[in-house]
């Protein structure tokens, strides 16, 4: 793992065989990346992050390399507080649920019950 200002570089090298059933580097990299991202989501309180595969053994590279952006994509507090969402919904329970969800995401939310009011 290499840490940079705006991203992490996660490199997965070929697994060494210990005489047991071998899996492909792609299967190995996929499982390692899934474990890493699951842990990242857990320690960050449920945030999700953009991941780009930079190098891939299936394309002839020696390693699998992933770029993970530091800024989360989704999760609590990730919305732009300068962005206001208008929810027009005649079902009060649904409007309340959407309002609560987007508030947690960090957005300013306005709700109304019909289009003319909006």
C-alpha atoms as a PDB file:
ATOM      1  CA  UNK A   1       0.000   0.000   0.000  1.00  0.00           C
ATOM      2  CA  UNK A   2       1.347   3.388  -0.985  1.00  0.00           C
ATOM      3  CA  UNK A   3      -0.251   6.487   0.491  1.00  0.00           C
ATOM      4  CA  UNK A   4      -0.440   9.660  -1.598  1.00  0.00           C
ATOM      5  CA  UNK A   5      -2.042  13.040  -0.992  1.00  0.00           C
ATOM      6  CA  UNK A   6      -5.295  12.305  -2.843  1.00  0.00           C
ATOM      7  CA  UNK A   7      -5.243   8.514  -3.180  1.00  0.00           C
ATOM      8  CA  UNK A   8      -3.948   5.157  -2.045  1.00  0.00           C
ATOM      9  CA  UNK A   9      -2.193   2.749  -4.399  1.00  0.00           C
ATOM     10  CA  UNK A  10      -3.010  -0.857  -3.499  1.00  0.00           C
ATOM     11  CA  UNK A  11      -0.766  -3.379  -5.262  1.00  0.00           C
ATOM     12  CA  UNK A  12      -1.429  -7.111  -5.217  1.00  0.00           C
ATOM     13  CA  UNK A  13       1.427  -9.413  -6.129  1.00  0.00           C
ATOM     14  CA  UNK A  14       1.093 -12.982  -7.301  1.00  0.00           C
ATOM     15  CA  UNK A  15       0.389 -15.367  -4.405  1.00  0.00           C
ATOM     16  CA  UNK A  16       3.046 -17.940  -3.606  1.00  0.00           C
ATOM     17  CA  UNK A  17       1.756 -21.497  -3.848  1.00  0.00           C
ATOM     18  CA  UNK A  18       2.222 -23.726  -0.815  1.00  0.00           C
ATOM     19  CA  UNK A  19       1.434 -26.948  -2.660  1.00  0.00           C
ATOM     20  CA  UNK A  20      -2.310 -26.505  -2.249  1.00  0.00           C
ATOM     21  CA  UNK A  21      -4.880 -25.889  -4.942  1.00  0.00           C
ATOM     22  CA  UNK A  22      -3.882 -22.808  -6.888  1.00  0.00           C
ATOM     23  CA  UNK A  23      -6.180 -19.994  -7.861  1.00  0.00           C
ATOM     24  CA  UNK A  24      -5.523 -17.483 -10.584  1.00  0.00           C
ATOM     25  CA  UNK A  25      -3.959 -14.134  -9.707  1.00  0.00           C
ATOM     26  CA  UNK A  26      -7.198 -12.483 -10.851  1.00  0.00           C
ATOM     27  CA  UNK A  27      -9.279 -14.536  -8.383  1.00  0.00           C
ATOM     28  CA  UNK A  28      -6.694 -13.851  -5.678  1.00  0.00           C
ATOM     29  CA  UNK A  29      -6.607 -10.094  -6.432  1.00  0.00           C
ATOM     30  CA  UNK A  30     -10.406  -9.897  -6.493  1.00  0.00           C
ATOM     31  CA  UNK A  31     -10.717 -11.537  -3.091  1.00  0.00           C
ATOM     32  CA  UNK A  32      -7.925  -9.388  -1.587  1.00  0.00           C
ATOM     33  CA  UNK A  33      -9.463  -6.191  -2.995  1.00  0.00           C
ATOM     34  CA  UNK A  34     -12.936  -7.155  -1.742  1.00  0.00           C
ATOM     35  CA  UNK A  35     -11.518  -7.798   1.736  1.00  0.00           C
ATOM     36  CA  UNK A  36      -9.648  -4.497   1.697  1.00  0.00           C
ATOM     37  CA  UNK A  37     -12.687  -2.487   0.545  1.00  0.00           C
ATOM     38  CA  UNK A  38     -14.927  -4.240   3.073  1.00  0.00           C
ATOM     39  CA  UNK A  39     -12.512  -3.276   5.837  1.00  0.00           C
ATOM     40  CA  UNK A  40     -12.279   0.283   4.530  1.00  0.00           C
ATOM     41  CA  UNK A  41     -16.071   0.573   4.513  1.00  0.00           C
ATOM     42  CA  UNK A  42     -16.248  -0.794   8.059  1.00  0.00           C
ATOM     43  CA  UNK A  43     -13.601   1.525   9.561  1.00  0.00           C
ATOM     44  CA  UNK A  44     -14.994   4.571   7.729  1.00  0.00           C
ATOM     45  CA  UNK A  45     -18.511   4.079   9.057  1.00  0.00           C
ATOM     46  CA  UNK A  46     -20.064   2.923   5.777  1.00  0.00           C
ATOM     47  CA  UNK A  47     -18.426   5.235   3.234  1.00  0.00           C
ATOM     48  CA  UNK A  48     -17.763   4.063  -0.315  1.00  0.00           C
ATOM     49  CA  UNK A  49     -14.729   5.036  -2.377  1.00  0.00           C
ATOM     50  CA  UNK A  50     -13.876   5.261  -6.083  1.00  0.00           C
ATOM     51  CA  UNK A  51     -11.567   2.422  -7.170  1.00  0.00           C
ATOM     52  CA  UNK A  52      -9.815   2.243 -10.538  1.00  0.00           C
ATOM     53  CA  UNK A  53      -7.722  -0.696 -11.677  1.00  0.00           C
ATOM     54  CA  UNK A  54      -4.458   0.764 -12.989  1.00  0.00           C
ATOM     55  CA  UNK A  55      -2.622  -2.442 -13.890  1.00  0.00           C
ATOM     56  CA  UNK A  56      -3.902  -5.976 -14.355  1.00  0.00           C
ATOM     57  CA  UNK A  57      -2.224  -9.356 -14.754  1.00  0.00           C
ATOM     58  CA  UNK A  58      -4.991 -10.398 -17.141  1.00  0.00           C
ATOM     59  CA  UNK A  59      -3.701  -7.642 -19.444  1.00  0.00           C
ATOM     60  CA  UNK A  60      -0.086  -8.838 -19.143  1.00  0.00           C
ATOM     61  CA  UNK A  61       1.085  -6.735 -16.196  1.00  0.00           C
ATOM     62  CA  UNK A  62       3.176  -8.308 -13.415  1.00  0.00           C
ATOM     63  CA  UNK A  63       0.825  -7.126 -10.643  1.00  0.00           C
ATOM     64  CA  UNK A  64      -2.725  -5.976 -10.072  1.00  0.00           C
ATOM     65  CA  UNK A  65      -2.742  -2.334  -8.986  1.00  0.00           C
ATOM     66  CA  UNK A  66      -5.714  -0.323  -7.781  1.00  0.00           C
ATOM     67  CA  UNK A  67      -6.071   3.422  -7.216  1.00  0.00           C
ATOM     68  CA  UNK A  68      -8.409   4.235  -4.313  1.00  0.00           C
ATOM     69  CA  UNK A  69      -9.407   7.898  -4.033  1.00  0.00           C
ATOM     70  CA  UNK A  70      -9.340   9.380  -0.538  1.00  0.00           C
ATOM     71  CA  UNK A  71     -12.584  11.337  -0.968  1.00  0.00           C
ATOM     72  CA  UNK A  72     -15.591   9.081  -0.454  1.00  0.00           C
ATOM     73  CA  UNK A  73     -18.321   8.777  -3.070  1.00  0.00           C
ATOM     74  CA  UNK A  74     -21.274   7.792  -0.889  1.00  0.00           C
ATOM     75  CA  UNK A  75     -22.077   7.626   2.759  1.00  0.00           C
ATOM     76  CA  UNK A  76     -23.020   9.754   5.731  1.00  0.00           C
ATOM     77  CA  UNK A  77     -21.985  13.368   5.310  1.00  0.00           C
ATOM     78  CA  UNK A  78     -20.750  13.026   1.711  1.00  0.00           C
ATOM     79  CA  UNK A  79     -23.375  15.282   0.134  1.00  0.00           C
ATOM     80  CA  UNK A  80     -22.564  18.870  -0.712  1.00  0.00           C
ATOM     81  CA  UNK A  81     -24.180  21.021   2.009  1.00  0.00           C
ATOM     82  CA  UNK A  82     -24.527  23.822  -0.555  1.00  0.00           C
ATOM     83  CA  UNK A  83     -26.780  21.580  -2.637  1.00  0.00           C
ATOM     84  CA  UNK A  84     -30.480  21.802  -1.830  1.00  0.00           C
ATOM     85  CA  UNK A  85     -32.794  18.969  -2.785  1.00  0.00           C
ATOM     86  CA  UNK A  86     -36.514  19.511  -3.253  1.00  0.00           C
ATOM     87  CA  UNK A  87     -38.608  16.425  -2.554  1.00  0.00           C
ATOM     88  CA  UNK A  88     -42.183  16.548  -3.821  1.00  0.00           C
ATOM     89  CA  UNK A  89     -44.062  13.569  -2.413  1.00  0.00           C
ATOM     90  CA  UNK A  90     -47.703  13.265  -1.386  1.00  0.00           C
ATOM     91  CA  UNK A  91     -47.030  10.322   0.955  1.00  0.00           C
ATOM     92  CA  UNK A  92     -45.775  11.955   4.165  1.00  0.00           C
ATOM     93  CA  UNK A  93     -44.037   8.786   5.404  1.00  0.00           C
ATOM     94  CA  UNK A  94     -42.039   8.442   2.171  1.00  0.00           C
ATOM     95  CA  UNK A  95     -41.203  12.171   2.175  1.00  0.00           C
ATOM     96  CA  UNK A  96     -39.969  11.914   5.790  1.00  0.00           C
ATOM     97  CA  UNK A  97     -37.856   8.857   4.980  1.00  0.00           C
ATOM     98  CA  UNK A  98     -36.247  10.568   1.952  1.00  0.00           C
ATOM     99  CA  UNK A  99     -35.707  13.742   3.953  1.00  0.00           C
ATOM    100  CA  UNK A 100     -33.935  11.826   6.729  1.00  0.00           C
ATOM    101  CA  UNK A 101     -31.813   9.836   4.256  1.00  0.00           C
ATOM    102  CA  UNK A 102     -30.567  12.867   2.314  1.00  0.00           C
ATOM    103  CA  UNK A 103     -29.987  14.881   5.499  1.00  0.00           C
ATOM    104  CA  UNK A 104     -27.644  12.150   6.730  1.00  0.00           C
ATOM    105  CA  UNK A 105     -25.890  12.311   3.362  1.00  0.00           C
ATOM    106  CA  UNK A 106     -25.188  15.987   4.055  1.00  0.00           C
ATOM    107  CA  UNK A 107     -27.692  17.693   1.760  1.00  0.00           C
ATOM    108  CA  UNK A 108     -30.055  20.526   2.663  1.00  0.00           C
ATOM    109  CA  UNK A 109     -33.548  19.147   2.000  1.00  0.00           C
ATOM    110  CA  UNK A 110     -36.880  20.851   1.369  1.00  0.00           C
ATOM    111  CA  UNK A 111     -40.093  18.839   1.165  1.00  0.00           C
ATOM    112  CA  UNK A 112     -43.598  19.575   0.013  1.00  0.00           C
ATOM    113  CA  UNK A 113     -46.692  17.469  -0.638  1.00  0.00           C
ATOM    114  CA  UNK A 114     -47.686  18.450  -4.187  1.00  0.00           C
ATOM    115  CA  UNK A 115     -46.220  20.003  -7.308  1.00  0.00           C
ATOM    116  CA  UNK A 116     -47.853  23.414  -7.056  1.00  0.00           C
ATOM    117  CA  UNK A 117     -46.402  23.867  -3.581  1.00  0.00           C
ATOM    118  CA  UNK A 118     -42.941  22.959  -4.912  1.00  0.00           C
END
